[in-house]
Each structure stands twice: as structure tokens, then as C-alpha cells.
Amino acid sequence: MPASPSTARAINDRLALRLLQQEGPLTAGQLKQLTGLSRPTVADLVDRLTSAGLITVVGESGAQRRGPNARLYGIVADRAHLAALDVRTEGVLVLVSDLLGRVLTEASAPIGGDTGTGPAVEQAVAAVENAAKEAGADRLHTVGIGAPGLIDPATGDLRDSAGLPAWHRSLAATLVDRLPGARVTVENETNLAALAEQREGAARDRDTFVLLWLGHGVGAAVVLDGTLRRGASGGTGEIGFLPVPGTDTLPSAGDCAGGFHSLTGAAAIISLAGEHGLPAPAAVDGPGAAEVVRGAVADVLAGGAVTDVPVGGAVTAEADAAPDRFLRALADRVAVGAASVVAVLDPGCVVLGGEVGQAGGAVLAKLVEERLRRMSPLVTEVRASSLGGTAVLRGALLTARDRAQDELFAPPERSGG
């Protein structure tokens, strides 16, 4: 059954908006060429989208032609403002952007571990409000939040998680109350990091991969056939609870001690570095562990050990310096958890994310890949994150932008405002 005229117009409008989002400003002639629509149809949709306040003239084509240059049309970027939050145990990072995802301002709000739930939520919400004000946003259309812990797939709410501050669970509801009309969504931080790596980072050419997050804690995100998999209870990737050899006990439902977290969490990495005689960082957290790994990598690069190995070749024990031994020991630990994921999912690619994954770079990725090659018959490429600790914030922004654009670009009968 052919589409009705109104449905056809809505489809054409949305197609044009997506092209303007992806390609940037275009002339009517370029829209005609890219959409395959007739000239009168393109002229009609340009008039509709301009009248709706979704596109506007942003300049003129620089092409040499007779007569006046063609007008360039672009999306009205300030039609909606978005906020993205990276919620951590010690505070929150915030950025505000326009509808195209261009960052207008960034802020942070450190929150001490002894801060009560009410004051902590107030500090976090104030950081969002102040960032919006600084960006010149009268209101926020959509807010995307990345947080540690499990997200209930039925309600979208952050579930109780052992060891996480209570204020995390109150933040989203408070933002809804304090930001009238704003759409607020919460997603697991590792899932958001994977989305960012898929769209902008190390996995841009992969439809199937696993992100292994190495930071203050550990986690994993699974993308299969281009789709993020969350699991029946939202717990896909809770790899910190994975029972592994090399620990003194087994994890429990409320405590991941004894699981993979005990081998590759920040405290474990810093302890391992101490065992190899490397200096301790100022803080026992994700940035601290990344500092140790980054220093070891710099020493190894200077010594020419691991990096002399050709791609696909075996890593040899040329050097016995402490940084080299530390990185090899760390790679062995990371490979234990990665091998379990590979054996079940066969993703073909593992991205080492988080602050530690980025700090380890190609050196650590190569060591883990070589170790996996000896542990598993399944060929698996290991890559270092190109976004690192910023991936959660980028993923939250991408999610907020997608939701806002889906709503604003929807046919009028489906739009919620």
C-alpha cells in the first residue's frame, strides 16, 4: 500500500535532516542529488523545515556558477540544548551542547565520600544548572547520564549496587524535578563508553566487539551485530564478578572481591606495580592506576622492548626491566578475563577502554593480544581505546543527541514537543 502524502513528506523531511546532520550544510541542489527527490519536492521540504524552525540559511555555496551562489541550509543548532553527565563515586562531570553535539561548556563537581545524599545531589544538580546557564541555555531538552551499576531494563532506573554512593540513585529523579520538560535517561557507564568507541573511537569499523573497561573498577560492554546487548536484568558485562584463577576467594552477590575485579581493578593494578618496584601514585583510583601504567609504557617505549615486536608476531622476553615485567604481568591478568568473554562470544575484537586501557595504549593491547593467542583458538584483535576516560561523557552526549533528534525530527503526529 503506497504511503499517504503526509507520510511521504515526513519521511522525506527526516531523510533531509539526517543528511544535514551527517554531511553538514547543503544546498537544495545537493539535497536533490543525495535524496534522489525531484526539485519541487526538495523545495517544498526546505520550506517546511525552515518554517518549523529546524533548518535555516547558514551561508552560500562557494561553487563557481553563473548568477547568485546557492544558499546553504543547516540545522538550527540552538533549537535544543543537551546535557551529558559522567557520574562517578567521587563526583560528576558535566557538559552542555547544542543539537548538533557541539560542546558549549564543561564543568565538574567533586563530591566527597562523607557527603550526605541530599547535599551530594544538590552539588551535582547545581553543576548541571550552572553549566546550562554558562552555555546560554534557557532550558535543557535532553539529559543523558552515565553511571556505574545496573540499569533496570524495564524501568530505566539505576538499581541498588553495593559500594556505590546512595546519591547516584536520587540524581535522575531530582534532575527531572529541577529541569521542567527535560527528558532524562540513565545508562550504564561502560555501555555508553562502548557506544562512543563504536561511533567515534577504536571500534568504528566493527559491528561486533567487546569493550573491556579498566579504570577504578572493571566492566565490559557487548556489541553484537551493531546492537548493544544489555541482558535480561541489565547486567551484561558485570565482569568484575567473574570468578577467575589467581584470587584467594570467590565473589558473592553483593561483593566482587575475589572476582576479576580483584585482579584488574585500580587497587589491584597499583599493588601489582608496587610488587615490581614501581612508585605508587598519589591516589588509589582509576587515574592513579592509569598514571602507573602510562609511566611503565613510557619506560618500555624508551627501552625498545615490546614495541619492537612486529604486528602479529610473538612478544619476546628481551627486557627484564621492572616496567616491562609489570606490563607483562598486567597483560596476563587482563587476558584471563578477556579469554572468558572471547570463549563465549567470539567477538573478534576486544577494546581496552577506561583510563587504564587508554594509558596502556598499543603496548598493553599487543601484550594482551599475544597472551590471548596462546590461550584461545579464536582469533581476536585487541585494540586500545582512543577515547579513554572521556568515553562515558561522549557516549552520554551521543545518546542524548540521538533522543533529542529522534523527537524533534519525528513526523508532527508523533512529536512530543
Protein backbone atom coordinates (compact mmCIF):
# COMPACT_ATOMS: atom_id res chain seq x y z
CA MET A 1 0.00 0.00 0.00
CA PRO A 2 1.56 3.35 -1.03
CA ALA A 3 2.37 5.88 1.66
CA SER A 4 -0.02 8.76 2.17
CA PRO A 5 1.18 12.22 1.08
CA SER A 6 1.67 13.28 4.72
CA THR A 7 3.70 10.14 5.50
CA ALA A 8 5.83 10.62 2.39
CA ARG A 9 6.50 14.22 3.38
CA ALA A 10 7.53 13.15 6.88
CA ILE A 11 9.90 10.51 5.50
CA ASN A 12 11.47 12.99 3.09
CA ASP A 13 11.86 15.63 5.81
CA ARG A 14 13.57 13.19 8.15
CA LEU A 15 15.88 11.97 5.39
CA ALA A 16 16.91 15.55 4.63
CA LEU A 17 17.54 16.32 8.30
CA ARG A 18 19.70 13.23 8.72
CA LEU A 19 21.76 14.22 5.70
CA LEU A 20 22.24 17.72 7.08
CA GLN A 21 23.32 16.20 10.38
CA GLN A 22 25.81 13.84 8.77
CA GLU A 23 27.13 16.00 5.93
CA GLY A 24 26.79 19.50 7.36
CA PRO A 25 25.23 22.43 5.47
CA LEU A 26 23.94 21.56 1.98
CA THR A 27 22.35 23.42 -0.90
CA ALA A 28 18.93 22.48 -2.24
CA GLY A 29 20.71 21.07 -5.29
CA GLN A 30 22.91 18.87 -3.13
CA LEU A 31 19.86 17.66 -1.19
CA LYS A 32 18.21 16.79 -4.50
CA GLN A 33 21.27 14.82 -5.58
CA LEU A 34 21.69 12.96 -2.26
CA THR A 35 18.00 12.15 -1.73
CA GLY A 36 17.03 11.44 -5.33
CA LEU A 37 13.94 13.60 -4.90
CA SER A 38 12.60 15.97 -7.53
CA ARG A 39 13.45 19.67 -7.44
CA PRO A 40 9.87 20.74 -6.48
CA THR A 41 9.77 18.12 -3.69
CA VAL A 42 13.08 19.37 -2.27
CA ALA A 43 11.88 22.98 -2.48
CA ASP A 44 8.73 22.02 -0.54
CA LEU A 45 10.63 20.21 2.20
CA VAL A 46 13.10 23.07 2.57
CA ASP A 47 10.17 25.46 3.04
CA ARG A 48 8.54 23.14 5.60
CA LEU A 49 11.70 22.61 7.63
CA THR A 50 12.53 26.31 7.57
CA SER A 51 9.02 27.24 8.73
CA ALA A 52 9.27 24.62 11.51
CA GLY A 53 12.46 26.27 12.76
CA LEU A 54 14.56 23.15 12.16
CA ILE A 55 16.81 24.49 9.38
CA THR A 56 17.98 27.92 8.32
CA VAL A 57 20.25 29.55 5.75
CA VAL A 58 23.79 29.42 7.11
CA GLY A 59 25.74 30.74 4.13
CA GLU A 60 26.23 30.41 0.40
CA SER A 61 27.84 27.80 -1.77
CA GLY A 62 31.35 28.64 -2.81
CA ALA A 63 30.97 26.89 -6.15
CA GLN A 64 31.70 28.97 -9.21
CA ARG A 65 28.46 29.42 -11.15
CA ARG A 66 26.50 31.99 -13.11
CA GLY A 67 24.19 34.19 -11.11
CA PRO A 68 23.98 34.24 -7.31
CA ASN A 69 25.50 31.43 -5.29
CA ALA A 70 23.11 28.80 -3.96
CA ARG A 71 22.02 29.08 -0.35
CA LEU A 72 23.46 26.63 2.15
CA TYR A 73 20.96 25.19 4.62
CA GLY A 74 21.92 23.83 8.02
CA ILE A 75 20.20 22.51 11.13
CA VAL A 76 19.31 25.17 13.70
CA ALA A 77 21.81 24.08 16.33
CA ASP A 78 20.31 26.05 19.21
CA ARG A 79 16.83 24.62 18.65
CA ALA A 80 17.63 22.37 21.63
CA HIS A 81 20.35 22.16 24.27
CA LEU A 82 21.58 18.89 25.71
CA ALA A 83 23.49 17.87 28.81
CA ALA A 84 25.67 14.82 29.41
CA LEU A 85 26.81 13.59 32.82
CA ASP A 86 29.50 11.13 33.83
CA VAL A 87 28.58 10.15 37.39
CA ARG A 88 31.48 8.76 39.41
CA THR A 89 31.94 7.70 43.01
CA GLU A 90 33.86 10.90 43.74
CA GLY A 91 31.76 13.40 41.79
CA VAL A 92 30.23 14.26 38.45
CA LEU A 93 31.48 15.59 35.12
CA VAL A 94 29.07 17.68 33.02
CA LEU A 95 28.99 19.07 29.53
CA VAL A 96 26.32 21.02 27.67
CA SER A 97 26.00 21.01 23.89
CA ASP A 98 23.75 22.22 21.11
CA LEU A 99 21.54 19.97 18.98
CA LEU A 100 24.45 19.07 16.71
CA GLY A 101 26.52 17.87 19.67
CA ARG A 102 28.96 20.78 19.66
CA VAL A 103 30.21 21.20 23.23
CA LEU A 104 29.44 24.64 24.62
CA THR A 105 30.72 24.27 28.17
CA GLU A 106 32.15 21.68 30.56
CA ALA A 107 32.17 21.52 34.35
CA SER A 108 32.91 19.19 37.24
CA ALA A 109 31.65 18.85 40.80
CA PRO A 110 33.88 16.91 43.20
CA ILE A 111 31.81 15.20 45.90
CA GLY A 112 33.49 13.81 48.99
CA GLY A 113 32.75 10.32 50.19
CA ASP A 114 31.39 11.62 53.50
CA THR A 115 28.88 13.97 51.85
CA GLY A 116 25.26 13.14 52.66
CA THR A 117 22.80 12.14 49.95
CA GLY A 118 20.91 15.45 49.94
CA PRO A 119 23.95 17.74 49.77
CA ALA A 120 25.63 15.48 47.21
CA VAL A 121 22.60 15.57 44.91
CA GLU A 122 22.37 19.34 45.33
CA GLN A 123 26.01 19.78 44.31
CA ALA A 124 25.54 17.62 41.23
CA VAL A 125 22.32 19.33 40.13
CA ALA A 126 23.85 22.77 40.72
CA ALA A 127 26.75 21.80 38.45
CA VAL A 128 24.26 20.97 35.68
CA GLU A 129 22.26 24.16 36.18
CA ASN A 130 25.39 26.33 36.22
CA ALA A 131 26.77 24.67 33.10
CA ALA A 132 23.48 25.24 31.27
CA LYS A 133 23.49 28.88 32.30
CA GLU A 134 27.08 29.34 31.16
CA ALA A 135 26.18 27.78 27.80
CA GLY A 136 23.31 30.23 27.38
CA ALA A 137 20.68 27.50 27.50
CA ASP A 138 17.32 28.69 28.84
CA ARG A 139 16.26 25.08 29.20
CA LEU A 140 17.65 21.62 28.56
CA HIS A 141 15.80 19.39 26.15
CA THR A 142 17.52 16.10 26.99
CA VAL A 143 19.95 14.94 29.69
CA GLY A 144 21.97 11.75 29.27
CA ILE A 145 23.55 10.23 32.39
CA GLY A 146 26.25 7.59 32.56
CA ALA A 147 26.57 5.88 35.93
CA PRO A 148 28.21 2.77 37.38
CA GLY A 149 25.92 -0.05 38.43
CA LEU A 150 22.99 -1.95 36.94
CA ILE A 151 20.21 -0.24 34.99
CA ASP A 152 16.82 -1.92 35.26
CA PRO A 153 15.83 -2.65 31.63
CA ALA A 154 12.12 -2.42 32.48
CA THR A 155 12.15 0.96 34.23
CA GLY A 156 15.43 2.53 33.12
CA ASP A 157 16.27 3.24 36.77
CA LEU A 158 19.62 2.74 38.44
CA ARG A 159 19.36 -0.31 40.72
CA ASP A 160 20.88 -0.63 44.15
CA SER A 161 24.53 -1.58 43.80
CA ALA A 162 26.87 -2.45 46.62
CA GLY A 163 29.68 0.03 47.18
CA LEU A 164 28.12 2.91 45.22
CA PRO A 165 27.01 6.17 46.85
CA ALA A 166 23.29 6.47 47.62
CA TRP A 167 23.11 9.86 45.88
CA HIS A 168 23.58 8.19 42.50
CA ARG A 169 20.09 6.70 42.68
CA SER A 170 18.47 10.02 43.61
CA LEU A 171 20.13 12.17 40.98
CA ALA A 172 17.97 11.38 37.94
CA ALA A 173 14.68 11.94 39.78
CA THR A 174 15.94 15.24 41.19
CA LEU A 175 17.01 16.42 37.74
CA VAL A 176 13.53 15.65 36.42
CA ASP A 177 12.05 17.81 39.19
CA ARG A 178 14.53 20.67 38.78
CA LEU A 179 14.62 20.76 34.96
CA PRO A 180 10.99 21.06 33.85
CA GLY A 181 10.36 19.45 30.48
CA ALA A 182 13.78 17.84 30.23
CA ARG A 183 13.98 14.20 29.13
CA VAL A 184 16.36 12.40 31.50
CA THR A 185 17.84 8.99 30.70
CA VAL A 186 20.31 6.84 32.64
CA GLU A 187 22.63 4.23 31.13
CA ASN A 188 25.43 2.08 32.48
CA GLU A 189 28.74 3.88 32.06
CA THR A 190 30.52 1.02 30.29
CA ASN A 191 27.68 0.65 27.79
CA LEU A 192 27.97 4.35 26.98
CA ALA A 193 31.72 4.03 26.56
CA ALA A 194 31.17 1.22 24.07
CA LEU A 195 28.68 3.31 22.08
CA ALA A 196 31.20 6.15 21.95
CA GLU A 197 34.01 3.85 20.81
CA GLN A 198 31.69 2.42 18.15
CA ARG A 199 30.67 5.83 16.82
CA GLU A 200 33.82 7.90 17.34
CA GLY A 201 36.61 5.70 18.66
CA ALA A 202 38.56 2.50 18.26
CA ALA A 203 35.63 0.31 17.09
CA ARG A 204 34.30 2.47 14.27
CA ASP A 205 34.86 -0.32 11.75
CA ARG A 206 33.41 -3.12 13.91
CA ASP A 207 29.79 -4.26 14.17
CA THR A 208 30.73 -6.85 16.80
CA PHE A 209 33.18 -6.22 19.63
CA VAL A 210 33.58 -6.21 23.40
CA LEU A 211 34.76 -3.20 25.35
CA LEU A 212 36.74 -4.15 28.44
CA TRP A 213 36.67 -1.18 30.82
CA LEU A 214 39.74 -0.80 33.03
CA GLY A 215 39.52 2.09 35.47
CA HIS A 216 38.65 2.42 39.14
CA GLY A 217 36.69 -0.80 38.66
CA VAL A 218 36.29 -3.16 35.73
CA GLY A 219 33.39 -3.84 33.44
CA ALA A 220 32.52 -4.93 29.93
CA ALA A 221 30.07 -3.94 27.24
CA VAL A 222 28.95 -6.23 24.45
CA VAL A 223 28.02 -5.03 20.96
CA LEU A 224 26.79 -7.78 18.63
CA ASP A 225 25.81 -7.08 15.02
CA GLY A 226 25.82 -3.36 15.74
CA THR A 227 23.47 -3.62 18.73
CA LEU A 228 24.36 -3.07 22.38
CA ARG A 229 23.29 -6.09 24.45
CA ARG A 230 22.09 -5.40 27.98
CA GLY A 231 20.85 -8.81 29.13
CA ALA A 232 17.66 -9.90 30.91
CA SER A 233 18.41 -7.90 34.06
CA GLY A 234 20.64 -5.23 32.53
CA GLY A 235 23.73 -6.98 33.82
CA THR A 236 25.56 -7.97 30.66
CA GLY A 237 29.22 -7.13 31.19
CA GLU A 238 29.37 -7.26 35.01
CA ILE A 239 32.73 -8.91 34.53
CA GLY A 240 34.08 -7.73 37.87
CA PHE A 241 32.11 -10.62 39.41
CA LEU A 242 33.63 -13.18 37.03
CA PRO A 243 35.32 -15.99 39.06
CA VAL A 244 38.91 -16.26 37.87
CA PRO A 245 42.09 -18.07 38.90
CA GLY A 246 44.65 -16.08 40.83
CA THR A 247 42.39 -14.84 43.63
CA ASP A 248 42.05 -16.10 47.21
CA THR A 249 38.27 -16.37 47.31
CA LEU A 250 35.13 -16.26 45.21
CA PRO A 251 32.90 -13.24 44.61
CA SER A 252 29.46 -13.02 46.20
CA ALA A 253 26.20 -11.47 45.03
CA GLY A 254 27.00 -8.28 46.91
CA ASP A 255 30.79 -8.13 46.61
CA CYS A 256 33.04 -8.65 43.59
CA ALA A 257 36.11 -9.24 45.79
CA GLY A 258 37.61 -12.49 44.58
CA GLY A 259 36.39 -11.92 41.03
CA PHE A 260 38.09 -10.37 38.01
CA HIS A 261 37.91 -7.01 39.80
CA SER A 262 40.45 -8.30 42.32
CA LEU A 263 42.96 -8.79 39.51
CA THR A 264 42.43 -5.70 37.40
CA GLY A 265 40.72 -3.00 39.48
CA ALA A 266 42.71 0.15 40.22
CA ALA A 267 43.82 -1.03 43.66
CA ALA A 268 45.00 -4.35 42.24
CA ILE A 269 46.96 -2.68 39.44
CA ILE A 270 48.66 -0.28 41.84
CA SER A 271 49.50 -3.15 44.20
CA LEU A 272 50.96 -5.13 41.28
CA ALA A 273 53.07 -2.13 40.32
CA GLY A 274 54.39 -1.94 43.89
CA GLU A 275 55.37 -5.60 43.75
CA HIS A 276 57.53 -4.75 40.74
CA GLY A 277 59.16 -1.81 42.48
CA LEU A 278 57.31 0.94 40.64
CA PRO A 279 56.41 4.15 42.52
CA ALA A 280 52.92 4.47 43.96
CA PRO A 281 50.59 7.20 42.62
CA ALA A 282 49.04 9.85 44.83
CA ALA A 283 45.56 8.30 44.66
CA VAL A 284 44.37 4.70 44.53
CA ASP A 285 41.76 5.19 41.80
CA GLY A 286 41.37 4.96 38.03
CA PRO A 287 43.54 8.00 37.21
CA GLY A 288 46.15 6.76 39.71
CA ALA A 289 46.31 3.31 38.11
CA ALA A 290 46.48 4.95 34.68
CA GLU A 291 49.39 7.08 35.87
CA VAL A 292 51.36 3.97 36.84
CA VAL A 293 50.58 2.18 33.57
CA ARG A 294 51.38 5.28 31.49
CA GLY A 295 54.75 5.62 33.21
CA ALA A 296 55.58 1.96 32.63
CA VAL A 297 54.65 2.24 28.96
CA ALA A 298 56.86 5.32 28.57
CA ASP A 299 59.79 3.43 30.09
CA VAL A 300 59.21 0.44 27.83
CA LEU A 301 58.97 2.63 24.75
CA ALA A 302 62.24 4.28 25.70
CA GLY A 303 63.86 0.86 26.18
CA GLY A 304 62.55 -0.60 22.93
CA ALA A 305 61.20 -3.85 24.35
CA VAL A 306 57.60 -4.69 23.50
CA THR A 307 57.22 -2.16 20.71
CA ASP A 308 59.92 -3.84 18.59
CA VAL A 309 57.60 -6.79 18.00
CA PRO A 310 56.00 -6.79 14.53
CA VAL A 311 52.22 -6.88 14.27
CA GLY A 312 51.08 -10.48 14.66
CA GLY A 313 54.44 -11.60 15.99
CA ALA A 314 55.22 -13.12 19.36
CA VAL A 315 56.33 -10.93 22.24
CA THR A 316 59.77 -11.95 23.40
CA ALA A 317 61.36 -11.53 26.81
CA GLU A 318 64.09 -9.20 25.60
CA ALA A 319 63.92 -6.91 28.56
CA ASP A 320 63.66 -7.74 32.23
CA ALA A 321 63.26 -4.19 33.50
CA ALA A 322 60.60 -3.65 36.15
CA PRO A 323 58.18 -1.67 33.89
CA ASP A 324 58.36 -4.39 31.25
CA ARG A 325 57.74 -7.16 33.76
CA PHE A 326 54.88 -5.21 35.31
CA LEU A 327 53.13 -4.69 31.96
CA ARG A 328 53.50 -8.37 31.09
CA ALA A 329 52.04 -9.39 34.44
CA LEU A 330 49.17 -6.95 33.97
CA ALA A 331 48.53 -8.26 30.45
CA ASP A 332 48.36 -11.80 31.82
CA ARG A 333 45.71 -10.70 34.30
CA VAL A 334 43.66 -8.80 31.72
CA ALA A 335 43.84 -11.76 29.33
CA VAL A 336 42.31 -14.08 31.94
CA GLY A 337 39.04 -12.14 31.91
CA ALA A 338 39.19 -11.37 28.19
CA ALA A 339 39.66 -15.06 27.34
CA SER A 340 36.45 -15.95 29.17
CA VAL A 341 34.50 -13.39 27.18
CA VAL A 342 36.10 -14.50 23.93
CA ALA A 343 35.32 -18.15 24.59
CA VAL A 344 31.60 -17.38 25.00
CA LEU A 345 31.03 -14.60 22.44
CA ASP A 346 33.84 -14.87 19.86
CA PRO A 347 33.63 -11.11 19.19
CA GLY A 348 36.75 -10.94 17.03
CA CYS A 349 37.77 -7.67 18.69
CA VAL A 350 38.33 -6.52 22.27
CA VAL A 351 38.83 -2.83 23.01
CA LEU A 352 40.73 -1.98 26.20
CA GLY A 353 38.85 1.07 27.48
CA GLY A 354 38.84 3.32 30.51
CA GLU A 355 41.73 5.35 31.81
CA VAL A 356 43.98 2.30 32.16
CA GLY A 357 43.15 0.92 28.71
CA GLN A 358 43.99 4.23 27.10
CA ALA A 359 47.15 4.62 29.19
CA GLY A 360 48.34 1.15 28.20
CA GLY A 361 47.85 2.01 24.55
CA ALA A 362 49.19 -0.20 21.81
CA VAL A 363 51.85 -1.66 24.12
CA LEU A 364 49.41 -3.21 26.58
CA ALA A 365 46.97 -4.15 23.80
CA LYS A 366 49.71 -6.04 21.96
CA LEU A 367 50.70 -7.94 25.08
CA VAL A 368 47.10 -8.91 25.84
CA GLU A 369 46.52 -9.98 22.24
CA GLU A 370 49.62 -12.17 22.28
CA ARG A 371 48.53 -13.77 25.55
CA LEU A 372 45.04 -14.41 24.18
CA ARG A 373 46.56 -16.02 21.10
CA ARG A 374 48.20 -18.60 23.36
CA MET A 375 45.06 -19.14 25.45
CA SER A 376 42.33 -19.34 22.80
CA PRO A 377 41.93 -20.79 19.30
CA LEU A 378 39.58 -17.92 18.43
CA VAL A 379 41.39 -15.14 16.58
CA THR A 380 40.84 -11.90 18.48
CA GLU A 381 42.24 -8.47 17.76
CA VAL A 382 42.93 -6.32 20.83
CA ARG A 383 42.84 -2.55 20.44
CA ALA A 384 43.47 0.32 22.80
CA SER A 385 40.69 2.84 23.39
CA SER A 386 41.10 6.11 21.55
CA LEU A 387 38.70 7.90 23.95
CA GLY A 388 39.76 6.55 27.34
CA GLY A 389 38.18 8.22 30.36
CA THR A 390 36.20 10.65 28.19
CA ALA A 391 34.23 7.84 26.52
CA VAL A 392 31.41 7.80 29.09
CA LEU A 393 30.73 11.51 28.68
CA ARG A 394 30.87 11.23 24.90
CA GLY A 395 28.51 8.25 24.98
CA ALA A 396 26.06 10.10 27.22
CA LEU A 397 26.12 13.06 24.82
CA LEU A 398 25.58 10.86 21.77
CA THR A 399 22.64 9.16 23.48
CA ALA A 400 21.09 12.49 24.46
CA ARG A 401 21.59 13.88 20.96
CA ASP A 402 20.02 10.83 19.33
CA ARG A 403 16.97 11.02 21.58
CA ALA A 404 16.50 14.74 21.05
CA GLN A 405 16.88 14.47 17.29
CA ASP A 406 14.54 11.48 17.10
CA GLU A 407 11.87 13.55 18.81
CA LEU A 408 12.46 16.85 17.06
CA PHE A 409 12.86 15.25 13.64
CA ALA A 410 9.81 12.99 14.05
CA PRO A 411 6.64 13.47 11.99
CA PRO A 412 4.33 16.03 13.66
CA GLU A 413 1.78 13.42 14.74
CA ARG A 414 4.49 11.57 16.74
CA SER A 415 6.38 14.52 18.14
CA GLY A 416 6.17 15.13 21.87
CA GLY A 417 7.17 18.82 21.59
